[in-house]
Amino acid sequence: MEQIKELRLEIDRVDEEIMVLLSKRFDLSQKVIKEKELMGLGRLDQNRENSILERAKQYGQKTYKVYIELLRISKEKL
């Protein structure tokens, strides 16, 4: 039982790091969207998105699926 507790504490630490990084990523994505709007560009850069997804695939199918959703959410204007 102690092993499970230790593993969960480590998961909590990793989750905290992920949440901080996601928040930063979403903020940066919003800044990109604003800059693109000022320049009259569309939100989608398919080449960049494909490149990100290819990198995500290197970390496994689950990471790839998370990144598909992450990119979808990142394109939303808040």
C-alpha atoms as a PDB file:
ATOM      1  CA  MET A   1       0.000   0.000   0.000  1.00  0.00           C
ATOM      2  CA  GLU A   2       2.911   2.349   0.741  1.00  0.00           C
ATOM      3  CA  GLN A   3       4.196   1.858  -2.818  1.00  0.00           C
ATOM      4  CA  ILE A   4       0.843   2.963  -4.208  1.00  0.00           C
ATOM      5  CA  LYS A   5       0.885   6.057  -2.009  1.00  0.00           C
ATOM      6  CA  GLU A   6       4.386   6.979  -3.200  1.00  0.00           C
ATOM      7  CA  LEU A   7       3.443   6.445  -6.838  1.00  0.00           C
ATOM      8  CA  ARG A   8       0.353   8.621  -6.434  1.00  0.00           C
ATOM      9  CA  LEU A   9       2.435  11.385  -4.890  1.00  0.00           C
ATOM     10  CA  GLU A  10       4.753  11.234  -7.878  1.00  0.00           C
ATOM     11  CA  ILE A  11       1.737  11.351 -10.208  1.00  0.00           C
ATOM     12  CA  ASP A  12       0.506  14.435  -8.341  1.00  0.00           C
ATOM     13  CA  ARG A  13       3.878  16.149  -8.837  1.00  0.00           C
ATOM     14  CA  VAL A  14       3.902  15.297 -12.533  1.00  0.00           C
ATOM     15  CA  ASP A  15       0.282  16.464 -12.892  1.00  0.00           C
ATOM     16  CA  GLU A  16       1.203  19.806 -11.333  1.00  0.00           C
ATOM     17  CA  GLU A  17       4.048  20.255 -13.821  1.00  0.00           C
ATOM     18  CA  ILE A  18       1.762  19.321 -16.711  1.00  0.00           C
ATOM     19  CA  MET A  19      -0.910  21.783 -15.571  1.00  0.00           C
ATOM     20  CA  VAL A  20       1.593  24.634 -15.295  1.00  0.00           C
ATOM     21  CA  LEU A  21       2.987  23.866 -18.747  1.00  0.00           C
ATOM     22  CA  LEU A  22      -0.471  23.493 -20.297  1.00  0.00           C
ATOM     23  CA  SER A  23      -1.529  26.837 -18.897  1.00  0.00           C
ATOM     24  CA  LYS A  24       1.593  28.450 -20.345  1.00  0.00           C
ATOM     25  CA  ARG A  25       1.018  26.735 -23.697  1.00  0.00           C
ATOM     26  CA  PHE A  26      -2.595  27.904 -23.872  1.00  0.00           C
ATOM     27  CA  ASP A  27      -1.527  31.484 -23.072  1.00  0.00           C
ATOM     28  CA  LEU A  28       1.063  31.372 -25.836  1.00  0.00           C
ATOM     29  CA  SER A  29      -1.465  29.893 -28.276  1.00  0.00           C
ATOM     30  CA  GLN A  30      -3.843  32.760 -27.557  1.00  0.00           C
ATOM     31  CA  LYS A  31      -1.058  35.252 -28.272  1.00  0.00           C
ATOM     32  CA  VAL A  32      -0.356  33.523 -31.593  1.00  0.00           C
ATOM     33  CA  ILE A  33      -4.064  33.670 -32.487  1.00  0.00           C
ATOM     34  CA  LYS A  34      -4.146  37.421 -31.740  1.00  0.00           C
ATOM     35  CA  GLU A  35      -1.027  38.049 -33.831  1.00  0.00           C
ATOM     36  CA  LYS A  36      -2.433  36.032 -36.716  1.00  0.00           C
ATOM     37  CA  GLU A  37      -5.675  38.010 -36.552  1.00  0.00           C
ATOM     38  CA  LEU A  38      -3.725  41.284 -36.701  1.00  0.00           C
ATOM     39  CA  MET A  39      -1.885  39.965 -39.757  1.00  0.00           C
ATOM     40  CA  GLY A  40      -5.094  38.712 -41.405  1.00  0.00           C
ATOM     41  CA  LEU A  41      -3.990  35.087 -41.259  1.00  0.00           C
ATOM     42  CA  GLY A  42      -6.115  32.038 -40.515  1.00  0.00           C
ATOM     43  CA  ARG A  43      -5.743  30.048 -37.331  1.00  0.00           C
ATOM     44  CA  LEU A  44      -4.684  26.784 -38.923  1.00  0.00           C
ATOM     45  CA  ASP A  45      -1.081  26.147 -39.914  1.00  0.00           C
ATOM     46  CA  GLN A  46      -1.407  22.562 -41.091  1.00  0.00           C
ATOM     47  CA  ASN A  47       2.331  22.087 -41.606  1.00  0.00           C
ATOM     48  CA  ARG A  48       3.092  23.149 -38.029  1.00  0.00           C
ATOM     49  CA  GLU A  49       0.260  21.034 -36.641  1.00  0.00           C
ATOM     50  CA  ASN A  50       1.478  17.985 -38.592  1.00  0.00           C
ATOM     51  CA  SER A  51       4.999  18.531 -37.287  1.00  0.00           C
ATOM     52  CA  ILE A  52       3.786  18.690 -33.677  1.00  0.00           C
ATOM     53  CA  LEU A  53       1.698  15.552 -34.114  1.00  0.00           C
ATOM     54  CA  GLU A  54       4.618  13.680 -35.667  1.00  0.00           C
ATOM     55  CA  ARG A  55       6.741  14.545 -32.631  1.00  0.00           C
ATOM     56  CA  ALA A  56       3.922  13.456 -30.317  1.00  0.00           C
ATOM     57  CA  LYS A  57       3.737  10.071 -32.069  1.00  0.00           C
ATOM     58  CA  GLN A  58       7.300   9.403 -30.966  1.00  0.00           C
ATOM     59  CA  TYR A  59       6.040   9.321 -27.372  1.00  0.00           C
ATOM     60  CA  GLY A  60       3.345   6.760 -28.103  1.00  0.00           C
ATOM     61  CA  GLN A  61      -0.275   6.500 -29.165  1.00  0.00           C
ATOM     62  CA  LYS A  62      -1.693   7.938 -25.937  1.00  0.00           C
ATOM     63  CA  THR A  63       0.489  11.047 -26.184  1.00  0.00           C
ATOM     64  CA  TYR A  64      -0.510  11.422 -29.821  1.00  0.00           C
ATOM     65  CA  LYS A  65      -4.211  11.293 -28.877  1.00  0.00           C
ATOM     66  CA  VAL A  66      -3.691  13.854 -26.117  1.00  0.00           C
ATOM     67  CA  TYR A  67      -1.970  16.175 -28.580  1.00  0.00           C
ATOM     68  CA  ILE A  68      -4.785  15.922 -31.097  1.00  0.00           C
ATOM     69  CA  GLU A  69      -7.118  17.215 -28.400  1.00  0.00           C
ATOM     70  CA  LEU A  70      -4.576  19.747 -27.129  1.00  0.00           C
ATOM     71  CA  LEU A  71      -4.224  21.264 -30.585  1.00  0.00           C
ATOM     72  CA  ARG A  72      -7.990  21.390 -31.012  1.00  0.00           C
ATOM     73  CA  ILE A  73      -8.432  23.223 -27.717  1.00  0.00           C
ATOM     74  CA  SER A  74      -5.482  25.531 -28.399  1.00  0.00           C
ATOM     75  CA  LYS A  75      -7.173  26.871 -31.527  1.00  0.00           C
ATOM     76  CA  GLU A  76     -10.254  27.979 -29.588  1.00  0.00           C
ATOM     77  CA  LYS A  77     -10.424  31.684 -28.946  1.00  0.00           C
ATOM     78  CA  LEU A  78     -11.125  32.423 -25.311  1.00  0.00           C
END
